[in-house]
């Protein structure tokens, strides 16, 4: 029986460095697919949690009050939604890693569904 400690991340760059593909949902749930170790428990700093919530809210758009309710949901609850599983940590060139959405056929509808769920 091994007693491994959960990985702790303070930036999206750290997450990107140890995974092939990680979603916002996985980070919020505290479990990522580590490139070398497979599925691994993790924790994120309060600053990283806030950054993820900020970037998800920027992606979903909507009115200011709707984004504020969605942000509170992301920060204080543990939302489970399919669209959060399609928001991935991406890094392009020298820019810092960020959350981006892998859109389906109807991005507008999909973001509306996520806004409705998070701002309930």
C-alpha atoms as a PDB file:
ATOM      1  CA  UNK A   1       0.000   0.000   0.000  1.00  0.00           C
ATOM      2  CA  UNK A   2       1.577   3.268  -1.089  1.00  0.00           C
ATOM      3  CA  UNK A   3       0.860   6.588   0.484  1.00  0.00           C
ATOM      4  CA  UNK A   4       1.291   9.182  -2.204  1.00  0.00           C
ATOM      5  CA  UNK A   5       0.478  12.794  -1.603  1.00  0.00           C
ATOM      6  CA  UNK A   6      -1.663  14.727  -4.016  1.00  0.00           C
ATOM      7  CA  UNK A   7       0.135  16.960  -6.486  1.00  0.00           C
ATOM      8  CA  UNK A   8      -0.303  20.663  -5.840  1.00  0.00           C
ATOM      9  CA  UNK A   9      -0.495  23.228  -8.637  1.00  0.00           C
ATOM     10  CA  UNK A  10      -0.261  27.004  -8.474  1.00  0.00           C
ATOM     11  CA  UNK A  11      -0.261  27.782 -12.231  1.00  0.00           C
ATOM     12  CA  UNK A  12      -1.786  26.386 -15.390  1.00  0.00           C
ATOM     13  CA  UNK A  13       1.748  26.107 -16.820  1.00  0.00           C
ATOM     14  CA  UNK A  14       2.580  23.567 -14.099  1.00  0.00           C
ATOM     15  CA  UNK A  15      -0.535  21.576 -14.992  1.00  0.00           C
ATOM     16  CA  UNK A  16       0.248  21.712 -18.705  1.00  0.00           C
ATOM     17  CA  UNK A  17       3.806  20.486 -18.084  1.00  0.00           C
ATOM     18  CA  UNK A  18       2.699  17.173 -16.510  1.00  0.00           C
ATOM     19  CA  UNK A  19      -0.385  16.297 -18.578  1.00  0.00           C
ATOM     20  CA  UNK A  20      -1.295  15.671 -22.189  1.00  0.00           C
ATOM     21  CA  UNK A  21      -4.843  16.935 -21.863  1.00  0.00           C
ATOM     22  CA  UNK A  22      -6.553  18.297 -18.776  1.00  0.00           C
ATOM     23  CA  UNK A  23      -9.984  19.864 -18.510  1.00  0.00           C
ATOM     24  CA  UNK A  24     -11.307  22.514 -16.168  1.00  0.00           C
ATOM     25  CA  UNK A  25     -13.702  19.872 -14.806  1.00  0.00           C
ATOM     26  CA  UNK A  26     -10.800  17.591 -13.845  1.00  0.00           C
ATOM     27  CA  UNK A  27      -8.927  20.417 -12.097  1.00  0.00           C
ATOM     28  CA  UNK A  28     -12.030  21.490 -10.188  1.00  0.00           C
ATOM     29  CA  UNK A  29     -12.619  17.856  -9.177  1.00  0.00           C
ATOM     30  CA  UNK A  30      -9.012  17.449  -8.007  1.00  0.00           C
ATOM     31  CA  UNK A  31      -8.084  14.522 -10.260  1.00  0.00           C
ATOM     32  CA  UNK A  32      -5.909  14.744 -13.392  1.00  0.00           C
ATOM     33  CA  UNK A  33      -4.424  12.259 -15.848  1.00  0.00           C
ATOM     34  CA  UNK A  34      -0.693  12.685 -15.176  1.00  0.00           C
ATOM     35  CA  UNK A  35       1.468  11.780 -18.182  1.00  0.00           C
ATOM     36  CA  UNK A  36       3.804   9.504 -16.204  1.00  0.00           C
ATOM     37  CA  UNK A  37       1.608   8.296 -13.341  1.00  0.00           C
ATOM     38  CA  UNK A  38      -1.910   8.024 -14.796  1.00  0.00           C
ATOM     39  CA  UNK A  39      -4.922   9.281 -12.866  1.00  0.00           C
ATOM     40  CA  UNK A  40      -3.665  11.204  -9.861  1.00  0.00           C
ATOM     41  CA  UNK A  41      -5.251  13.284  -7.125  1.00  0.00           C
ATOM     42  CA  UNK A  42      -4.293  16.938  -7.140  1.00  0.00           C
ATOM     43  CA  UNK A  43      -4.985  20.177  -5.364  1.00  0.00           C
ATOM     44  CA  UNK A  44      -4.938  23.681  -6.761  1.00  0.00           C
ATOM     45  CA  UNK A  45      -4.023  26.913  -5.015  1.00  0.00           C
ATOM     46  CA  UNK A  46      -6.764  29.445  -4.259  1.00  0.00           C
ATOM     47  CA  UNK A  47      -5.172  31.760  -6.839  1.00  0.00           C
ATOM     48  CA  UNK A  48      -5.291  29.060  -9.533  1.00  0.00           C
ATOM     49  CA  UNK A  49      -8.877  28.206  -8.601  1.00  0.00           C
ATOM     50  CA  UNK A  50      -9.781  31.871  -9.048  1.00  0.00           C
ATOM     51  CA  UNK A  51      -7.928  32.037 -12.387  1.00  0.00           C
ATOM     52  CA  UNK A  52      -9.827  28.984 -13.669  1.00  0.00           C
ATOM     53  CA  UNK A  53     -13.148  30.519 -12.585  1.00  0.00           C
ATOM     54  CA  UNK A  54     -12.210  33.833 -14.245  1.00  0.00           C
ATOM     55  CA  UNK A  55     -11.255  32.156 -17.521  1.00  0.00           C
ATOM     56  CA  UNK A  56     -14.320  29.901 -17.594  1.00  0.00           C
ATOM     57  CA  UNK A  57     -16.566  32.928 -16.975  1.00  0.00           C
ATOM     58  CA  UNK A  58     -14.814  34.827 -19.753  1.00  0.00           C
ATOM     59  CA  UNK A  59     -15.495  31.912 -22.105  1.00  0.00           C
ATOM     60  CA  UNK A  60     -19.173  31.535 -21.229  1.00  0.00           C
ATOM     61  CA  UNK A  61     -19.909  35.257 -21.544  1.00  0.00           C
ATOM     62  CA  UNK A  62     -23.324  36.602 -20.669  1.00  0.00           C
ATOM     63  CA  UNK A  63     -24.396  39.563 -18.602  1.00  0.00           C
ATOM     64  CA  UNK A  64     -22.336  40.811 -15.688  1.00  0.00           C
ATOM     65  CA  UNK A  65     -24.699  39.448 -13.023  1.00  0.00           C
ATOM     66  CA  UNK A  66     -24.888  36.069 -14.764  1.00  0.00           C
ATOM     67  CA  UNK A  67     -21.084  35.835 -14.909  1.00  0.00           C
ATOM     68  CA  UNK A  68     -20.935  36.800 -11.221  1.00  0.00           C
ATOM     69  CA  UNK A  69     -23.346  33.995 -10.241  1.00  0.00           C
ATOM     70  CA  UNK A  70     -21.430  31.518 -12.416  1.00  0.00           C
ATOM     71  CA  UNK A  71     -18.142  32.623 -10.822  1.00  0.00           C
ATOM     72  CA  UNK A  72     -19.554  32.089  -7.324  1.00  0.00           C
ATOM     73  CA  UNK A  73     -20.751  28.632  -8.337  1.00  0.00           C
ATOM     74  CA  UNK A  74     -17.308  27.723  -9.692  1.00  0.00           C
ATOM     75  CA  UNK A  75     -15.582  29.028  -6.558  1.00  0.00           C
ATOM     76  CA  UNK A  76     -17.877  27.703  -3.830  1.00  0.00           C
ATOM     77  CA  UNK A  77     -19.584  24.627  -5.258  1.00  0.00           C
ATOM     78  CA  UNK A  78     -18.409  21.596  -7.180  1.00  0.00           C
ATOM     79  CA  UNK A  79     -20.292  21.918 -10.475  1.00  0.00           C
ATOM     80  CA  UNK A  80     -20.452  18.926 -12.816  1.00  0.00           C
ATOM     81  CA  UNK A  81     -21.282  19.785 -16.430  1.00  0.00           C
ATOM     82  CA  UNK A  82     -20.267  18.254 -19.749  1.00  0.00           C
ATOM     83  CA  UNK A  83     -19.122  21.626 -21.142  1.00  0.00           C
ATOM     84  CA  UNK A  84     -16.540  22.002 -18.344  1.00  0.00           C
ATOM     85  CA  UNK A  85     -15.050  18.732 -19.605  1.00  0.00           C
ATOM     86  CA  UNK A  86     -14.495  20.404 -22.980  1.00  0.00           C
ATOM     87  CA  UNK A  87     -12.543  23.329 -21.536  1.00  0.00           C
ATOM     88  CA  UNK A  88      -8.893  22.340 -21.748  1.00  0.00           C
ATOM     89  CA  UNK A  89      -5.589  23.710 -20.475  1.00  0.00           C
ATOM     90  CA  UNK A  90      -3.768  24.852 -23.623  1.00  0.00           C
ATOM     91  CA  UNK A  91      -0.415  26.510 -24.183  1.00  0.00           C
ATOM     92  CA  UNK A  92       0.688  28.170 -27.408  1.00  0.00           C
ATOM     93  CA  UNK A  93       4.255  29.360 -27.836  1.00  0.00           C
ATOM     94  CA  UNK A  94       5.636  31.519 -25.051  1.00  0.00           C
ATOM     95  CA  UNK A  95       2.230  32.691 -23.814  1.00  0.00           C
ATOM     96  CA  UNK A  96       1.120  31.392 -20.416  1.00  0.00           C
ATOM     97  CA  UNK A  97      -1.175  28.365 -20.417  1.00  0.00           C
ATOM     98  CA  UNK A  98      -4.883  29.158 -20.341  1.00  0.00           C
ATOM     99  CA  UNK A  99      -8.305  27.518 -20.498  1.00  0.00           C
ATOM    100  CA  UNK A 100      -9.829  27.210 -23.964  1.00  0.00           C
ATOM    101  CA  UNK A 101     -13.058  25.614 -25.164  1.00  0.00           C
ATOM    102  CA  UNK A 102     -13.207  22.840 -27.739  1.00  0.00           C
ATOM    103  CA  UNK A 103     -16.458  23.856 -29.423  1.00  0.00           C
ATOM    104  CA  UNK A 104     -18.981  21.484 -30.852  1.00  0.00           C
ATOM    105  CA  UNK A 105     -21.327  22.376 -33.671  1.00  0.00           C
ATOM    106  CA  UNK A 106     -23.132  25.147 -31.822  1.00  0.00           C
ATOM    107  CA  UNK A 107     -20.847  27.113 -29.504  1.00  0.00           C
ATOM    108  CA  UNK A 108     -23.521  29.704 -28.702  1.00  0.00           C
ATOM    109  CA  UNK A 109     -26.025  27.074 -27.549  1.00  0.00           C
ATOM    110  CA  UNK A 110     -23.385  25.156 -25.593  1.00  0.00           C
ATOM    111  CA  UNK A 111     -22.226  28.254 -23.695  1.00  0.00           C
ATOM    112  CA  UNK A 112     -25.854  29.189 -23.025  1.00  0.00           C
ATOM    113  CA  UNK A 113     -26.433  25.768 -21.471  1.00  0.00           C
ATOM    114  CA  UNK A 114     -23.356  26.112 -19.251  1.00  0.00           C
ATOM    115  CA  UNK A 115     -24.317  29.678 -18.235  1.00  0.00           C
ATOM    116  CA  UNK A 116     -27.810  28.487 -17.312  1.00  0.00           C
ATOM    117  CA  UNK A 117     -26.404  25.615 -15.250  1.00  0.00           C
ATOM    118  CA  UNK A 118     -23.748  27.639 -13.397  1.00  0.00           C
ATOM    119  CA  UNK A 119     -25.932  30.707 -12.742  1.00  0.00           C
ATOM    120  CA  UNK A 120     -28.886  28.771 -11.375  1.00  0.00           C
END
